[in-house]
Amino acid sequence: MSEPPLLEVRDLRKSYRVGGREIEVLRGIDLALARGEMAALLGASGAGKSTLLHCLGLLDVPSAGSVRLRGVDASSLSFAQRARTRNREIGFVFQFYHLIPELDALENTLLPRWIGPGAGPRRSSWEERDRAGALLGRLGLGDRLLHRPAQLSGGERQRVAIARALFAEPEIVLCDEPTGNLDSRTGSEIVDLLLALNRESGKTFVIATHNPELARRCPRRVRIEDGKILDGARVGGDPGPGHAG
């Protein structure tokens, strides 16, 4: 018997009201992601990639349909349970890093600990600080732990953002245009890093991008256009579990 999807959406729809108009962004998305998958969510700007990621990551509530994590419908969770799930089980990497300028690289990495259940401002154990430092070292920032974002290059800032996303050891990491603010060489290095982390950790990665070169390096590509999935094939032509045929 095959393992059920780690993350699954069924007939997912999302609309926003702008002025007096209802704008439909997602129009019936079906997608299933297995544990350990590395999937590129490919589509042009405005296709619905970011909105889908926000729904997958429980940052946004769909207008209709369901988001299921290990078979549990997110709509059945309380506000506090959703927040706890986001903090512990889902990591986020964004195009513009969203680092806190007053905090150094180590402190930015520790942020999930400070805002988690039972946490307090800058409250972390020496073990957690050591683990954050080791993680930054793994990402090539062992000599930059005490540098603030303004003292780091764009690629280094994105590495800190990746470390922050991984610190709580989530099962799912969602990346929204993680190379969109970087030059091509640095962006390629970040993709190399994400692919290596996926292989080593077995975590599920979803990378939203409009860059076909980046997408081609992922074992699975999910193409979205006008709020609908056109294809969800894995490399080799096998349809993914979320294939909308």
Protein backbone atom coordinates (compact mmCIF):
# COMPACT_ATOMS: atom_id res chain seq x y z
CA MET A 1 0.00 0.00 0.00
CA SER A 2 1.47 3.33 -1.09
CA GLU A 3 2.11 6.08 1.44
CA PRO A 4 -0.57 8.81 1.38
CA PRO A 5 0.46 12.31 0.21
CA LEU A 6 2.23 14.48 2.74
CA LEU A 7 0.48 17.58 1.43
CA GLU A 8 -2.59 17.63 -0.79
CA VAL A 9 -5.06 20.19 -2.13
CA ARG A 10 -8.41 19.30 -3.64
CA ASP A 11 -10.45 21.61 -5.89
CA LEU A 12 -8.65 24.58 -4.32
CA ARG A 13 -10.12 27.97 -5.18
CA LYS A 14 -9.11 31.43 -4.05
CA SER A 15 -10.76 34.75 -4.89
CA TYR A 16 -10.14 38.31 -3.76
CA ARG A 17 -12.53 41.23 -3.85
CA VAL A 18 -10.95 44.30 -5.39
CA GLY A 19 -13.28 47.27 -5.32
CA GLY A 20 -16.58 45.88 -6.50
CA ARG A 21 -15.03 43.03 -8.47
CA GLU A 22 -14.38 39.43 -7.51
CA ILE A 23 -10.97 38.33 -8.84
CA GLU A 24 -10.57 34.55 -9.07
CA VAL A 25 -6.87 33.65 -8.72
CA LEU A 26 -7.00 29.86 -8.19
CA ARG A 27 -9.65 27.98 -10.15
CA GLY A 28 -9.90 24.40 -8.97
CA ILE A 29 -6.37 23.18 -8.14
CA ASP A 30 -5.74 19.49 -7.48
CA LEU A 31 -2.20 18.68 -6.34
CA ALA A 32 -0.58 16.03 -4.15
CA LEU A 33 3.00 16.10 -2.89
CA ALA A 34 4.82 13.06 -1.55
CA ARG A 35 7.31 13.08 1.28
CA GLY A 36 10.76 14.04 -0.01
CA GLU A 37 9.64 15.46 -3.35
CA MET A 38 11.45 18.35 -5.03
CA ALA A 39 8.88 20.13 -7.16
CA ALA A 40 9.09 23.32 -9.22
CA LEU A 41 5.88 25.31 -9.50
CA LEU A 42 6.36 26.92 -12.89
CA GLY A 43 4.33 29.77 -14.33
CA ALA A 44 4.37 33.39 -15.47
CA SER A 45 3.90 36.28 -13.08
CA GLY A 46 0.24 36.44 -12.11
CA ALA A 47 -0.42 32.76 -12.83
CA GLY A 48 -1.28 32.06 -9.19
CA LYS A 49 2.00 30.56 -7.93
CA SER A 50 2.38 32.75 -4.84
CA THR A 51 -1.28 32.44 -3.92
CA LEU A 52 -1.04 28.65 -4.15
CA LEU A 53 2.10 28.64 -1.98
CA HIS A 54 0.38 30.83 0.61
CA CYS A 55 -2.54 28.37 0.75
CA LEU A 56 -0.20 25.36 0.92
CA GLY A 57 1.70 27.03 3.76
CA LEU A 58 -1.47 27.94 5.70
CA LEU A 59 -0.66 31.65 5.35
CA ASP A 60 -3.94 32.18 3.49
CA VAL A 61 -7.34 30.53 3.72
CA PRO A 62 -8.84 29.22 0.46
CA SER A 63 -12.25 30.39 -0.69
CA ALA A 64 -13.23 26.78 -1.42
CA GLY A 65 -11.66 23.34 -1.53
CA SER A 66 -9.30 21.79 0.98
CA VAL A 67 -5.65 21.75 2.05
CA ARG A 68 -4.63 18.53 3.79
CA LEU A 69 -1.42 17.89 5.70
CA ARG A 70 -0.97 14.17 6.38
CA GLY A 71 -4.67 13.76 5.64
CA VAL A 72 -5.82 16.40 8.14
CA ASP A 73 -7.94 19.15 6.61
CA ALA A 74 -6.45 22.52 7.63
CA SER A 75 -9.94 24.00 7.87
CA SER A 76 -10.53 21.81 10.94
CA LEU A 77 -7.62 23.48 12.79
CA SER A 78 -8.07 26.40 15.16
CA PHE A 79 -6.18 29.64 14.60
CA ALA A 80 -3.63 28.59 17.24
CA GLN A 81 -3.23 25.12 15.69
CA ARG A 82 -2.64 26.62 12.24
CA ALA A 83 0.01 28.95 13.68
CA ARG A 84 1.70 26.05 15.48
CA THR A 85 1.69 23.96 12.30
CA ARG A 86 3.24 26.79 10.27
CA ASN A 87 5.92 27.32 12.89
CA ARG A 88 6.88 23.67 13.36
CA GLU A 89 6.14 21.87 10.12
CA ILE A 90 6.44 24.37 7.27
CA GLY A 91 9.46 26.50 6.30
CA PHE A 92 9.26 29.55 4.04
CA VAL A 93 11.88 31.13 1.77
CA PHE A 94 10.89 34.34 -0.02
CA GLN A 95 12.37 36.33 -2.89
CA PHE A 96 13.18 39.36 -0.74
CA TYR A 97 14.58 37.44 2.27
CA HIS A 98 12.46 39.23 4.95
CA LEU A 99 15.34 39.26 7.42
CA ILE A 100 15.19 41.52 10.48
CA PRO A 101 17.80 44.26 9.85
CA GLU A 102 18.64 44.73 13.55
CA LEU A 103 19.45 41.03 14.04
CA ASP A 104 22.59 39.22 12.96
CA ALA A 105 22.62 36.04 10.87
CA LEU A 106 22.51 33.75 13.90
CA GLU A 107 19.63 35.66 15.49
CA ASN A 108 17.65 35.72 12.22
CA THR A 109 18.08 31.94 11.99
CA LEU A 110 16.75 31.54 15.54
CA LEU A 111 13.59 33.58 14.88
CA PRO A 112 11.29 30.51 14.56
CA ARG A 113 12.31 29.56 18.11
CA TRP A 114 11.57 33.04 19.45
CA ILE A 115 8.08 33.24 17.98
CA GLY A 116 7.05 29.63 18.57
CA PRO A 117 4.67 28.37 21.28
CA GLY A 118 6.03 29.15 24.74
CA ALA A 119 8.85 31.24 23.33
CA GLY A 120 9.92 34.73 24.25
CA PRO A 121 12.04 37.50 22.72
CA ARG A 122 15.59 36.26 22.05
CA ARG A 123 14.96 33.21 24.17
CA SER A 124 16.97 30.21 23.02
CA SER A 125 19.23 27.62 24.60
CA TRP A 126 22.94 27.21 23.94
CA GLU A 127 22.09 23.95 22.16
CA GLU A 128 19.77 25.83 19.81
CA ARG A 129 22.38 28.52 19.18
CA ASP A 130 24.96 25.83 18.43
CA ARG A 131 22.53 24.13 16.05
CA ALA A 132 21.76 27.42 14.28
CA GLY A 133 25.48 28.12 13.95
CA ALA A 134 26.14 24.65 12.54
CA LEU A 135 23.30 25.10 10.04
CA LEU A 136 24.70 28.44 8.87
CA GLY A 137 28.11 26.78 8.61
CA ARG A 138 26.61 24.04 6.42
CA LEU A 139 25.30 26.82 4.17
CA GLY A 140 28.71 28.43 3.86
CA LEU A 141 28.22 31.20 6.44
CA GLY A 142 30.31 29.91 9.32
CA ASP A 143 32.36 33.12 9.37
CA ARG A 144 29.32 35.43 9.02
CA LEU A 145 27.27 34.46 12.06
CA LEU A 146 27.42 37.90 13.69
CA HIS A 147 26.93 39.92 10.51
CA ARG A 148 23.68 41.83 10.06
CA PRO A 149 21.78 41.72 6.73
CA ALA A 150 23.24 45.04 5.53
CA GLN A 151 26.70 43.48 5.83
CA LEU A 152 25.79 40.46 3.70
CA SER A 153 25.50 40.00 -0.06
CA GLY A 154 22.20 39.03 -1.66
CA GLY A 155 23.23 35.40 -1.90
CA GLU A 156 24.34 35.37 1.73
CA ARG A 157 21.04 36.90 2.85
CA GLN A 158 19.15 34.20 0.97
CA ARG A 159 21.29 31.54 2.67
CA VAL A 160 20.34 33.02 6.05
CA ALA A 161 16.68 32.91 4.96
CA ILE A 162 17.11 29.23 4.03
CA ALA A 163 18.73 28.51 7.40
CA ARG A 164 15.80 30.20 9.15
CA ALA A 165 13.34 28.10 7.12
CA LEU A 166 15.18 24.89 8.05
CA PHE A 167 15.91 25.64 11.70
CA ALA A 168 12.68 24.18 13.10
CA GLU A 169 13.28 21.04 10.98
CA PRO A 170 10.01 21.30 9.05
CA GLU A 171 8.84 18.53 6.76
CA ILE A 172 7.90 20.98 4.00
CA VAL A 173 9.87 23.96 2.66
CA LEU A 174 8.06 26.41 0.37
CA CYS A 175 10.21 28.76 -1.72
CA ASP A 176 8.67 31.72 -3.57
CA GLU A 177 10.98 32.89 -6.38
CA PRO A 178 14.09 32.25 -4.20
CA THR A 179 16.47 33.28 -7.00
CA GLY A 180 14.38 36.13 -8.43
CA ASN A 181 16.40 38.83 -6.65
CA LEU A 182 19.81 37.33 -7.44
CA ASP A 183 22.20 37.36 -10.39
CA SER A 184 22.32 34.20 -12.50
CA ARG A 185 25.50 32.79 -10.94
CA THR A 186 24.35 33.33 -7.35
CA GLY A 187 20.90 32.04 -8.24
CA SER A 188 22.42 28.85 -9.65
CA GLU A 189 24.38 28.37 -6.41
CA ILE A 190 21.17 28.72 -4.39
CA VAL A 191 19.45 26.11 -6.58
CA ASP A 192 22.43 23.76 -6.10
CA LEU A 193 22.07 24.25 -2.37
CA LEU A 194 18.31 23.57 -2.33
CA LEU A 195 18.73 20.41 -4.41
CA ALA A 196 21.47 19.17 -2.08
CA LEU A 197 19.37 19.91 1.00
CA ASN A 198 16.44 18.00 -0.50
CA ARG A 199 18.64 14.96 -1.21
CA GLU A 200 20.30 15.01 2.21
CA SER A 201 17.29 15.78 4.39
CA GLY A 202 14.43 14.05 2.61
CA LYS A 203 12.27 17.12 3.18
CA THR A 204 9.63 18.13 0.64
CA PHE A 205 10.55 21.27 -1.31
CA VAL A 206 8.23 23.32 -3.53
CA ILE A 207 9.89 26.12 -5.50
CA ALA A 208 7.69 28.66 -7.26
CA THR A 209 9.49 30.20 -10.23
CA HIS A 210 8.96 31.68 -13.67
CA ASN A 211 12.48 30.59 -14.66
CA PRO A 212 12.36 27.47 -16.86
CA GLU A 213 16.09 26.80 -16.36
CA LEU A 214 15.58 26.52 -12.60
CA ALA A 215 12.48 24.38 -13.08
CA ARG A 216 14.29 21.97 -15.40
CA ARG A 217 16.67 21.06 -12.58
CA CYS A 218 13.84 19.82 -10.35
CA PRO A 219 12.73 16.17 -10.50
CA ARG A 220 9.10 17.28 -10.76
CA ARG A 221 7.60 20.24 -12.57
CA VAL A 222 4.08 21.52 -11.98
CA ARG A 223 2.95 24.09 -14.53
CA ILE A 224 0.26 26.58 -13.53
CA GLU A 225 -1.49 29.01 -15.85
CA ASP A 226 -4.45 31.30 -15.16
CA GLY A 227 -5.04 29.66 -11.80
CA LYS A 228 -5.16 26.09 -13.11
CA ILE A 229 -2.59 23.30 -13.21
CA LEU A 230 -1.80 22.27 -16.77
CA ASP A 231 0.76 19.58 -16.00
CA GLY A 232 2.36 18.02 -12.94
CA ALA A 233 4.78 15.52 -14.48
CA ARG A 234 7.93 14.15 -12.92
CA VAL A 235 11.09 13.93 -15.00
CA GLY A 236 10.74 10.97 -17.32
CA GLY A 237 7.11 11.73 -18.15
CA ASP A 238 5.44 9.97 -15.27
CA PRO A 239 2.42 11.92 -14.10
CA GLY A 240 2.71 13.22 -10.56
CA PRO A 241 0.04 12.55 -7.99
CA GLY A 242 -1.39 15.98 -8.65
CA HIS A 243 -1.49 15.61 -12.42
CA ALA A 244 -4.49 17.40 -13.82
CA GLY A 245 -5.11 15.43 -16.94
